[in-house]
Amino acid sequence: MADQSGVATSADTKVLIHPWVVRISHWVNVLAMFIMIASGWRIYNADPIFAFKFPRELTLGGWLGGALQWHFAAMWLFVINGLVYVLYGLFSGHFKSSFLPLTPGSVLNEFKNALRGKIPHNVGVYNAVQRAAYVGVIVVMIVLILSGLAIWKPVQFHELTLLMGEFEGARVVHFVAMALVCLFIVIHVVMVALVPRTFLPMITGCAKKSSAEHGA
């Protein structure tokens, strides 16, 4: 927006919301998780843990061998991308500025506000519930990797496999972690749909100052 003299006003000022490392790692993670989940469902169908299977149309790989190849390929992409993100988050201060402080009391208060429909959403600023969700999903993804290692190499990672309740226990842990990640993805997508102005900054990195400061 500009005034009558043609000078840009503060509404036209763009602020950096997501650094390029965060944006790239986010979209690489989207690709890796899609491949891992779809191929993982096909692997699960070959030897179900519970009394159900996933629809074949939602799986990737066609057969067990193909699904394993897709799964392992995406696993390396997921792990390398995750390491880059975690190292960046630690050394750049991204984790501290985005996810801290975080206390049970602040999460409870924000959750109560959410139930009343009064929770604010400023682009690039996470409220306590969002911070808890992001920290939680990072922990779950670490569990996903560790349980995957226990399933992949149960002999080499014998102590880890024992910690998770042997091979079958590790499979259950892996499945539960996958389900929690899927739940996070669904909630995340719904929130983006409800607050669509949060989507573009994850591509461009920037948002107009007025938009970034607007609460919903």
Protein backbone atom coordinates (compact mmCIF):
# COMPACT_ATOMS: atom_id res chain seq x y z
CA MET A 1 0.00 0.00 0.00
CA ALA A 2 1.21 3.52 -0.75
CA ASP A 3 -0.03 6.97 0.27
CA GLN A 4 -1.09 9.68 -2.20
CA SER A 5 2.52 10.78 -2.70
CA GLY A 6 3.39 7.27 -3.89
CA VAL A 7 5.61 6.50 -0.90
CA ALA A 8 5.37 2.93 0.37
CA THR A 9 3.76 2.61 3.77
CA SER A 10 4.59 0.15 6.54
CA ALA A 11 1.92 -2.24 5.19
CA ASP A 12 4.20 -2.84 2.18
CA THR A 13 7.18 -3.67 4.37
CA LYS A 14 8.10 -7.34 4.14
CA VAL A 15 9.67 -9.18 7.02
CA LEU A 16 11.55 -12.48 6.96
CA ILE A 17 9.41 -15.21 8.52
CA HIS A 18 11.17 -18.43 7.55
CA PRO A 19 14.91 -18.56 6.65
CA TRP A 20 15.80 -20.52 3.50
CA VAL A 21 17.20 -23.45 5.51
CA VAL A 22 13.87 -23.86 7.32
CA ARG A 23 11.88 -23.62 4.08
CA ILE A 24 14.00 -26.11 2.14
CA SER A 25 14.17 -28.61 5.01
CA HIS A 26 10.40 -28.33 5.45
CA TRP A 27 9.60 -29.23 1.84
CA VAL A 28 12.27 -31.94 1.65
CA ASN A 29 10.73 -33.39 4.81
CA VAL A 30 7.28 -33.32 3.22
CA LEU A 31 8.58 -35.39 0.29
CA ALA A 32 10.52 -37.80 2.49
CA MET A 33 7.63 -38.35 4.90
CA PHE A 34 5.15 -38.92 2.08
CA ILE A 35 7.37 -41.63 0.58
CA MET A 36 8.16 -43.22 3.93
CA ILE A 37 4.54 -43.32 5.10
CA ALA A 38 3.15 -44.68 1.81
CA SER A 39 5.90 -47.30 1.44
CA GLY A 40 5.71 -48.10 5.16
CA TRP A 41 2.03 -48.90 4.82
CA ARG A 42 2.87 -51.34 2.03
CA ILE A 43 5.54 -52.97 4.22
CA TYR A 44 3.03 -53.17 7.07
CA ASN A 45 0.48 -54.87 4.80
CA ALA A 46 2.98 -57.67 4.10
CA ASP A 47 2.94 -58.60 7.81
CA PRO A 48 0.23 -56.67 9.71
CA ILE A 49 0.63 -56.02 13.42
CA PHE A 50 -3.08 -55.37 13.95
CA ALA A 51 -6.24 -56.81 12.40
CA PHE A 52 -6.40 -54.41 9.47
CA LYS A 53 -4.51 -53.43 6.33
CA PHE A 54 -4.13 -50.14 4.52
CA PRO A 55 -5.86 -49.75 1.13
CA ARG A 56 -3.41 -50.74 -1.58
CA GLU A 57 -4.18 -47.51 -3.48
CA LEU A 58 -2.66 -45.53 -0.60
CA THR A 59 0.59 -47.49 -0.54
CA LEU A 60 3.80 -47.14 -2.52
CA GLY A 61 6.14 -49.77 -3.94
CA GLY A 62 3.74 -52.25 -5.51
CA TRP A 63 5.27 -55.19 -3.67
CA LEU A 64 7.32 -55.74 -0.51
CA GLY A 65 10.72 -55.49 -2.19
CA GLY A 66 9.80 -52.32 -4.05
CA ALA A 67 8.31 -50.76 -0.91
CA LEU A 68 11.50 -51.51 1.05
CA GLN A 69 13.62 -49.82 -1.62
CA TRP A 70 11.45 -46.70 -1.55
CA HIS A 71 11.42 -46.73 2.25
CA PHE A 72 15.20 -46.97 2.66
CA ALA A 73 15.85 -44.34 -0.02
CA ALA A 74 13.49 -41.90 1.68
CA MET A 75 14.93 -42.83 5.08
CA TRP A 76 18.36 -41.48 4.15
CA LEU A 77 16.81 -38.32 2.76
CA PHE A 78 14.77 -37.92 5.94
CA VAL A 79 17.75 -38.50 8.27
CA ILE A 80 20.17 -36.22 6.41
CA ASN A 81 17.57 -33.49 6.08
CA GLY A 82 16.68 -33.88 9.75
CA LEU A 83 20.30 -33.56 10.83
CA VAL A 84 20.69 -30.37 8.79
CA TYR A 85 17.54 -28.91 10.36
CA VAL A 86 18.48 -29.89 13.92
CA LEU A 87 22.04 -28.55 13.60
CA TYR A 88 20.75 -25.33 12.10
CA GLY A 89 18.10 -25.03 14.79
CA LEU A 90 20.63 -25.48 17.57
CA PHE A 91 23.47 -23.31 16.31
CA SER A 92 21.41 -20.51 14.73
CA GLY A 93 19.15 -20.04 17.74
CA HIS A 94 16.09 -20.98 15.66
CA PHE A 95 14.87 -23.51 18.23
CA LYS A 96 15.33 -21.10 21.10
CA SER A 97 13.56 -18.20 19.41
CA SER A 98 10.75 -20.26 17.88
CA PHE A 99 10.00 -22.93 20.50
CA LEU A 100 11.03 -21.39 23.82
CA PRO A 101 9.93 -20.58 26.44
CA LEU A 102 7.58 -23.52 26.80
CA THR A 103 5.84 -24.36 30.06
CA PRO A 104 2.91 -26.66 30.92
CA GLY A 105 0.98 -23.66 32.24
CA SER A 106 1.34 -21.68 29.01
CA VAL A 107 0.27 -24.69 26.94
CA LEU A 108 -2.81 -25.21 29.14
CA ASN A 109 -3.80 -21.56 28.92
CA GLU A 110 -3.42 -21.45 25.14
CA PHE A 111 -5.37 -24.70 24.83
CA LYS A 112 -8.23 -23.20 26.84
CA ASN A 113 -8.16 -20.15 24.58
CA ALA A 114 -8.26 -22.43 21.53
CA LEU A 115 -11.37 -24.15 22.86
CA ARG A 116 -13.00 -20.72 23.17
CA GLY A 117 -11.92 -19.81 19.64
CA LYS A 118 -9.78 -16.96 20.95
CA ILE A 119 -6.33 -18.26 20.14
CA PRO A 120 -4.22 -15.73 18.15
CA HIS A 121 -2.14 -16.76 15.16
CA ASN A 122 0.61 -14.38 14.10
CA VAL A 123 2.50 -15.47 10.99
CA GLY A 124 5.94 -16.71 12.02
CA VAL A 125 5.14 -16.59 15.75
CA TYR A 126 4.17 -19.85 17.44
CA ASN A 127 1.84 -19.86 20.42
CA ALA A 128 2.44 -22.28 23.30
CA VAL A 129 0.25 -25.06 21.84
CA GLN A 130 2.06 -24.86 18.51
CA ARG A 131 5.44 -24.87 20.24
CA ALA A 132 4.48 -27.99 22.19
CA ALA A 133 3.24 -29.66 19.00
CA TYR A 134 6.44 -28.91 17.07
CA VAL A 135 8.73 -29.97 19.90
CA GLY A 136 6.62 -33.10 20.37
CA VAL A 137 6.73 -34.09 16.71
CA ILE A 138 10.51 -33.64 16.64
CA VAL A 139 10.77 -36.06 19.58
CA VAL A 140 8.38 -38.48 17.86
CA MET A 141 10.46 -38.37 14.67
CA ILE A 142 13.57 -39.24 16.67
CA VAL A 143 11.68 -42.23 18.13
CA LEU A 144 10.60 -43.10 14.58
CA ILE A 145 14.23 -43.21 13.44
CA LEU A 146 15.43 -45.21 16.46
CA SER A 147 12.63 -47.77 16.19
CA GLY A 148 13.28 -48.02 12.46
CA LEU A 149 16.93 -48.83 13.17
CA ALA A 150 15.85 -51.49 15.65
CA ILE A 151 13.62 -53.09 13.01
CA TRP A 152 16.16 -52.75 10.20
CA LYS A 153 19.18 -54.07 12.13
CA PRO A 154 17.88 -55.90 15.23
CA VAL A 155 21.17 -57.76 15.73
CA GLN A 156 23.49 -54.80 15.25
CA PHE A 157 21.27 -52.61 17.45
CA HIS A 158 20.47 -55.37 19.91
CA GLU A 159 20.36 -53.16 23.04
CA LEU A 160 18.07 -50.67 21.32
CA THR A 161 15.80 -53.48 20.14
CA LEU A 162 15.64 -54.91 23.68
CA LEU A 163 14.76 -51.46 25.04
CA MET A 164 11.74 -51.36 22.73
CA GLY A 165 10.51 -54.83 23.63
CA GLU A 166 12.35 -56.97 21.08
CA PHE A 167 11.63 -56.93 17.34
CA GLU A 168 7.84 -57.02 17.57
CA GLY A 169 7.85 -54.36 20.25
CA ALA A 170 9.97 -52.13 18.03
CA ARG A 171 7.44 -52.62 15.23
CA VAL A 172 4.64 -51.44 17.53
CA VAL A 173 6.68 -48.41 18.64
CA HIS A 174 7.43 -47.61 14.99
CA PHE A 175 3.76 -47.91 14.05
CA VAL A 176 2.59 -45.69 16.93
CA ALA A 177 5.23 -43.06 16.10
CA MET A 178 4.11 -43.13 12.46
CA ALA A 179 0.48 -42.71 13.52
CA LEU A 180 1.38 -39.70 15.67
CA VAL A 181 3.27 -38.10 12.78
CA CYS A 182 0.24 -38.66 10.53
CA LEU A 183 -2.00 -37.05 13.17
CA PHE A 184 0.34 -34.05 13.33
CA ILE A 185 0.30 -33.75 9.53
CA VAL A 186 -3.51 -33.78 9.43
CA ILE A 187 -3.77 -31.11 12.14
CA HIS A 188 -1.04 -29.07 10.47
CA VAL A 189 -2.80 -29.13 7.10
CA VAL A 190 -6.14 -28.22 8.70
CA MET A 191 -4.55 -25.26 10.50
CA VAL A 192 -2.97 -24.03 7.26
CA ALA A 193 -6.37 -24.31 5.56
CA LEU A 194 -7.95 -22.28 8.38
CA VAL A 195 -5.17 -19.65 8.29
CA PRO A 196 -4.10 -19.68 4.61
CA ARG A 197 -1.83 -16.64 4.93
CA THR A 198 0.69 -18.91 6.70
CA PHE A 199 1.26 -20.95 3.52
CA LEU A 200 2.98 -18.49 1.18
CA PRO A 201 5.75 -17.48 3.63
CA MET A 202 6.86 -21.13 3.72
CA ILE A 203 7.60 -20.74 -0.01
CA THR A 204 8.82 -17.15 -0.28
CA GLY A 205 10.13 -16.80 3.27
CA CYS A 206 8.55 -13.36 3.71
CA ALA A 207 5.25 -11.78 4.61
CA LYS A 208 3.94 -8.24 4.67
CA LYS A 209 4.42 -6.64 8.05
CA SER A 210 0.69 -6.00 8.45
CA SER A 211 -0.04 -9.69 7.76
CA ALA A 212 2.69 -10.91 10.08
CA GLU A 213 1.33 -8.79 12.91
CA HIS A 214 -2.34 -9.71 12.34
CA GLY A 215 -3.84 -12.17 14.82
CA ALA A 216 -6.66 -14.59 14.06
